[in-house]
């Protein structure tokens, strides 16, 4: 329950932070997508994710954010560009991870019952990453892209 609440709060915060209003542009990301991805990878390593987990999660997250298209950006987000929108998703994911990882009672390295990106042998730690990532991706789609 707490995890769901945290995800909803983070998604709402992302949407509010990205949308400056109907007549003003969205706030551009301070980091490029590449820089945001690098910061996320560094955090994952310090948070106990293995090298293989970091590689798997980065690959999957990158594949997902690459589906976001510049021609689908809303008018408020268009001045910032697609790199900024993608960076927002990654930065949001990074910001969500500490409270998500702290919120679970399950051992972070135990095998999750939930399949993640087509693999069933993933850990609770990876499941929390995926949940946070999809929350941020959904919030970005709502805030920055034309529906």
Foldseek 3Di string as FASTA:
>chain_A
DVLVVLLVVLLVVLLPQQAPDPVAAGDFAPDFLVVLLVVLLVVCVVVPHDPVLSVVLSVVLVVVLVVDDLVFWDPRHNVNTSRRLSSSLSNSLSVSLVVLVVPDPDPQACQDCDADPNHRRHGNSSVSSRSSSVSSVVSSCVRTGDD
